[in-house]
Amino acid sequence: MGELMVATAAREIRDGEVVFVGMRLPLIAFVVAKKTHAPSAVGLFENGVIRTTPASELIYTMADPPNILGATQCLDMLGVMSLLQSGRVHLGFLGAAEVDRFGNLNSTEIKGPKAITRLPGSGGACDIASLAHRFVVLLEHNKQRLPERVSYVTSPGNGDGPGWRQRVGLPRGGPSAVITTKAVLRFGEDGEAYLASVHPGIEVDDVLSNTGWKLNASNHVETQEPSDQELRAIRKYDKDGFWTR
């Protein structure tokens, strides 16, 4: 399923775009996009690295030497984050503990029946969700990760519905897709997520029963399998399946 999620994420990158890459699966998605349909895409990393070519070998943290070698620029964090404020970042990939029906993200705390579990927090995710032209989330598909409302809004999606981002002064952007281990969700004009595609081998009822709200599934299709070209790019870069297994 990791390879399918990577290929699906890679297709979200358009040629020539400036993309906040992130780690894990989005890192491989950037490589796949560069080697297939988006050779002119530019990758940003929160630690200040800007790349027009993928690192020559698999990296495990943003500061790994292969990510520094051959970089277009090595700035500080403020240098790359300022590109968001100026509107120059087209797409950001994000992860979260929870994503709700309006694409709001929680990576701060989970309120359990007996206690609150503290999480790492935003990092640069709130900036990316607020200021990039659009963002895409990758996460495991279950009711706990996809509640109707997040326990805490760490990074804003569409707030409480249509027009919310404009009302609070966010000039652009919002959630474009949520790529899960079962499906792809996208967002309508009402700001709410709907079922866009179901991964091969997954039943629609499985998706619906593992989503924390009544998900609109009226016009879904099957998620496109990775092409041979995409699979070659994934397996050449992540040879041992460190991120994709």
Protein backbone atom coordinates (compact mmCIF):
# COMPACT_ATOMS: atom_id res chain seq x y z
CA MET A 1 0.00 0.00 0.00
CA GLY A 2 2.95 2.32 0.58
CA GLU A 3 3.88 2.28 -3.11
CA LEU A 4 0.31 3.08 -4.14
CA MET A 5 0.18 6.00 -1.71
CA VAL A 6 3.52 7.30 -2.99
CA ALA A 7 2.44 7.15 -6.63
CA THR A 8 -0.87 8.83 -5.79
CA ALA A 9 0.92 11.58 -3.88
CA ALA A 10 3.42 12.08 -6.71
CA ARG A 11 0.56 12.79 -9.12
CA GLU A 12 -0.47 15.74 -6.93
CA ILE A 13 2.78 17.52 -7.92
CA ARG A 14 2.55 19.55 -11.12
CA ASP A 15 5.53 20.38 -13.29
CA GLY A 16 7.29 23.58 -12.28
CA GLU A 17 5.71 23.76 -8.83
CA VAL A 18 7.48 24.66 -5.59
CA VAL A 19 6.68 21.92 -3.09
CA PHE A 20 7.25 21.50 0.65
CA VAL A 21 8.32 17.88 0.53
CA GLY A 22 8.47 16.56 4.08
CA MET A 23 9.75 13.14 5.08
CA ARG A 24 8.61 9.54 4.74
CA LEU A 25 6.27 8.88 1.79
CA PRO A 26 6.18 12.48 0.44
CA LEU A 27 9.95 12.35 0.09
CA ILE A 28 9.64 9.43 -2.31
CA ALA A 29 6.66 11.07 -4.03
CA PHE A 30 8.87 14.05 -4.92
CA VAL A 31 11.45 11.71 -6.44
CA VAL A 32 8.78 9.88 -8.47
CA ALA A 33 7.27 13.14 -9.75
CA LYS A 34 10.70 14.45 -10.79
CA LYS A 35 11.47 11.25 -12.70
CA THR A 36 8.09 10.99 -14.42
CA HIS A 37 5.81 13.95 -15.13
CA ALA A 38 7.23 16.93 -13.17
CA PRO A 39 10.95 17.30 -13.96
CA SER A 40 10.93 21.03 -13.17
CA ALA A 41 9.39 20.77 -9.69
CA VAL A 42 11.40 22.32 -6.85
CA GLY A 43 11.55 20.71 -3.40
CA LEU A 44 11.72 22.62 -0.11
CA PHE A 45 12.68 21.21 3.27
CA GLU A 46 11.89 22.92 6.57
CA ASN A 47 15.52 22.93 7.65
CA GLY A 48 16.34 25.34 4.81
CA VAL A 49 17.34 22.99 1.99
CA ILE A 50 16.09 23.71 -1.53
CA ARG A 51 16.56 21.06 -4.23
CA THR A 52 15.88 20.98 -7.94
CA THR A 53 17.11 17.37 -8.09
CA PRO A 54 16.36 14.56 -5.61
CA ALA A 55 19.10 13.54 -3.20
CA SER A 56 21.35 10.96 -4.84
CA GLU A 57 20.45 8.32 -2.24
CA LEU A 58 17.69 7.68 0.27
CA ILE A 59 17.62 10.06 3.24
CA TYR A 60 16.22 9.41 6.70
CA THR A 61 16.26 12.97 8.07
CA MET A 62 16.27 16.32 6.30
CA ALA A 63 19.80 17.03 7.50
CA ASP A 64 21.36 13.84 6.11
CA PRO A 65 24.50 14.60 4.04
CA PRO A 66 22.98 13.33 0.74
CA ASN A 67 20.26 15.97 1.11
CA ILE A 68 22.87 18.71 1.51
CA LEU A 69 25.14 17.49 -1.30
CA GLY A 70 23.99 18.95 -4.59
CA ALA A 71 21.31 21.16 -3.05
CA THR A 72 20.44 24.32 -4.95
CA GLN A 73 20.53 26.32 -1.71
CA CYS A 74 21.04 25.64 1.99
CA LEU A 75 19.30 28.47 3.85
CA ASP A 76 17.95 28.69 7.38
CA MET A 77 14.39 27.79 8.34
CA LEU A 78 13.21 31.39 8.00
CA GLY A 79 14.57 31.48 4.45
CA VAL A 80 12.30 28.71 3.20
CA MET A 81 9.32 29.52 5.41
CA SER A 82 9.28 33.08 4.07
CA LEU A 83 8.50 31.64 0.63
CA LEU A 84 5.12 30.65 2.04
CA GLN A 85 4.33 34.18 3.17
CA SER A 86 5.18 35.57 -0.25
CA GLY A 87 2.83 33.07 -1.93
CA ARG A 88 5.52 31.18 -3.82
CA VAL A 89 4.78 27.68 -2.47
CA HIS A 90 2.24 25.76 -4.51
CA LEU A 91 1.89 22.54 -2.54
CA GLY A 92 2.76 21.19 0.87
CA PHE A 93 2.64 17.58 2.08
CA LEU A 94 1.59 17.12 5.70
CA GLY A 95 0.97 14.39 8.22
CA ALA A 96 -1.24 14.52 11.31
CA ALA A 97 -2.67 12.44 14.12
CA GLU A 98 -6.20 13.48 13.11
CA VAL A 99 -7.87 15.01 10.05
CA ASP A 100 -11.55 15.95 10.20
CA ARG A 101 -14.36 16.36 7.68
CA PHE A 102 -13.28 19.90 6.82
CA GLY A 103 -9.58 19.08 6.49
CA ASN A 104 -8.45 20.55 9.80
CA LEU A 105 -5.35 18.85 11.24
CA ASN A 106 -4.45 17.93 14.81
CA SER A 107 -0.90 17.11 15.84
CA THR A 108 -1.05 18.70 19.31
CA GLU A 109 -3.10 16.51 21.66
CA ILE A 110 -5.58 13.66 21.75
CA LYS A 111 -8.28 13.72 24.43
CA GLY A 112 -8.80 10.14 25.59
CA PRO A 113 -11.40 8.85 28.06
CA LYS A 114 -8.98 9.08 30.99
CA ALA A 115 -6.18 11.41 29.95
CA ILE A 116 -4.82 13.78 27.32
CA THR A 117 -1.99 12.48 25.16
CA ARG A 118 0.42 15.20 24.15
CA LEU A 119 1.84 15.09 20.61
CA PRO A 120 4.84 16.83 18.97
CA GLY A 121 2.85 19.85 17.75
CA SER A 122 2.90 21.85 14.55
CA GLY A 123 6.49 22.29 13.47
CA GLY A 124 5.98 24.11 10.18
CA ALA A 125 2.66 22.43 9.39
CA CYS A 126 0.46 25.34 10.46
CA ASP A 127 2.43 27.72 8.25
CA ILE A 128 2.14 25.37 5.29
CA ALA A 129 -1.57 24.71 5.83
CA SER A 130 -2.22 28.43 6.20
CA LEU A 131 -0.15 29.87 3.37
CA ALA A 132 0.59 27.30 0.65
CA HIS A 133 -1.71 27.33 -2.38
CA ARG A 134 -2.92 23.87 -1.34
CA PHE A 135 -1.89 21.00 0.89
CA VAL A 136 -2.18 17.21 0.83
CA VAL A 137 -2.30 14.95 3.90
CA LEU A 138 -1.16 11.34 4.14
CA LEU A 139 -2.29 9.10 7.02
CA GLU A 140 -3.66 5.73 8.10
CA HIS A 141 -7.39 5.30 7.52
CA ASN A 142 -9.39 4.60 10.70
CA LYS A 143 -12.07 6.32 12.77
CA GLN A 144 -9.60 7.51 15.36
CA ARG A 145 -7.51 9.30 12.73
CA LEU A 146 -10.54 10.62 10.79
CA PRO A 147 -12.99 12.05 13.36
CA GLU A 148 -15.85 14.38 12.48
CA ARG A 149 -14.03 17.14 14.39
CA VAL A 150 -10.40 17.10 15.46
CA SER A 151 -9.64 17.27 19.18
CA TYR A 152 -7.47 20.33 18.61
CA VAL A 153 -6.92 22.45 15.50
CA THR A 154 -3.16 22.56 15.07
CA SER A 155 -3.25 23.44 11.36
CA PRO A 156 -6.30 24.90 9.61
CA GLY A 157 -8.15 23.27 6.77
CA ASN A 158 -11.55 24.66 5.87
CA GLY A 159 -12.43 25.50 9.46
CA ASP A 160 -16.18 25.00 9.90
CA GLY A 161 -17.10 25.12 6.23
CA PRO A 162 -17.24 27.27 3.10
CA GLY A 163 -15.81 30.78 3.34
CA TRP A 164 -14.11 30.17 6.68
CA ARG A 165 -10.55 30.71 5.43
CA GLN A 166 -11.46 34.05 3.87
CA ARG A 167 -13.30 35.18 7.02
CA VAL A 168 -10.26 34.55 9.23
CA GLY A 169 -7.84 36.22 6.80
CA LEU A 170 -6.14 33.29 5.10
CA PRO A 171 -5.54 34.60 1.58
CA ARG A 172 -5.35 31.32 -0.30
CA GLY A 173 -5.00 27.58 -0.02
CA GLY A 174 -6.65 24.84 1.95
CA PRO A 175 -6.77 21.04 1.77
CA SER A 176 -6.67 19.50 -1.69
CA ALA A 177 -6.61 15.80 -0.85
CA VAL A 178 -6.25 13.29 1.98
CA ILE A 179 -4.45 10.16 0.80
CA THR A 180 -5.05 7.30 3.21
CA THR A 181 -4.26 3.60 3.36
CA LYS A 182 -7.73 2.88 1.94
CA ALA A 183 -8.80 5.77 -0.27
CA VAL A 184 -8.36 9.32 -1.53
CA LEU A 185 -10.61 12.05 -0.13
CA ARG A 186 -11.02 15.41 -1.83
CA PHE A 187 -12.90 18.56 -0.92
CA GLY A 188 -15.99 20.10 -2.47
CA GLU A 189 -17.20 23.69 -2.65
CA ASP A 190 -18.88 23.17 0.72
CA GLY A 191 -15.42 22.64 2.23
CA GLU A 192 -16.22 19.06 3.23
CA ALA A 193 -14.28 15.94 2.29
CA TYR A 194 -15.84 13.42 -0.06
CA LEU A 195 -14.71 10.02 -1.32
CA ALA A 196 -12.87 10.53 -4.61
CA SER A 197 -11.36 7.07 -5.08
CA VAL A 198 -11.01 3.73 -3.33
CA HIS A 199 -7.75 1.81 -3.49
CA PRO A 200 -7.74 -1.50 -5.38
CA GLY A 201 -8.86 -4.39 -3.18
CA ILE A 202 -10.62 -2.11 -0.66
CA GLU A 203 -14.40 -2.20 -0.29
CA VAL A 204 -16.34 1.07 -0.11
CA ASP A 205 -18.11 -0.12 3.05
CA ASP A 206 -14.69 -0.60 4.66
CA VAL A 207 -13.85 3.03 3.92
CA LEU A 208 -17.19 4.34 5.17
CA SER A 209 -17.18 2.28 8.37
CA ASN A 210 -13.69 3.53 9.21
CA THR A 211 -14.51 7.21 8.73
CA GLY A 212 -15.83 9.25 11.65
CA TRP A 213 -18.58 11.02 9.73
CA LYS A 214 -21.06 10.22 6.97
CA LEU A 215 -18.73 10.42 3.99
CA ASN A 216 -20.23 11.29 0.61
CA ALA A 217 -19.32 8.37 -1.66
CA SER A 218 -21.67 9.01 -4.57
CA ASN A 219 -19.10 9.61 -7.32
CA HIS A 220 -15.99 7.64 -6.39
CA VAL A 221 -13.72 5.69 -8.74
CA GLU A 222 -10.88 3.23 -8.18
CA THR A 223 -7.47 4.71 -7.39
CA GLN A 224 -5.08 4.27 -10.31
CA GLU A 225 -2.42 1.63 -9.69
CA PRO A 226 1.24 2.74 -9.91
CA SER A 227 2.56 2.59 -13.46
CA ASP A 228 5.67 0.59 -14.34
CA GLN A 229 7.61 3.85 -14.58
CA GLU A 230 6.44 4.97 -11.14
CA LEU A 231 7.26 1.60 -9.59
CA ARG A 232 10.75 1.64 -11.08
CA ALA A 233 11.39 5.08 -9.63
CA ILE A 234 10.10 4.07 -6.20
CA ARG A 235 12.05 0.82 -6.01
CA LYS A 236 15.27 2.28 -7.36
CA TYR A 237 15.25 4.99 -4.71
CA ASP A 238 13.83 3.09 -1.72
CA LYS A 239 15.57 -0.19 -2.52
CA ASP A 240 14.86 -1.90 0.79
CA GLY A 241 11.36 -0.49 1.25
CA PHE A 242 12.43 1.52 4.29
CA TRP A 243 9.66 4.11 3.83
CA THR A 244 7.27 2.18 1.56
CA ARG A 245 7.01 -1.28 3.11
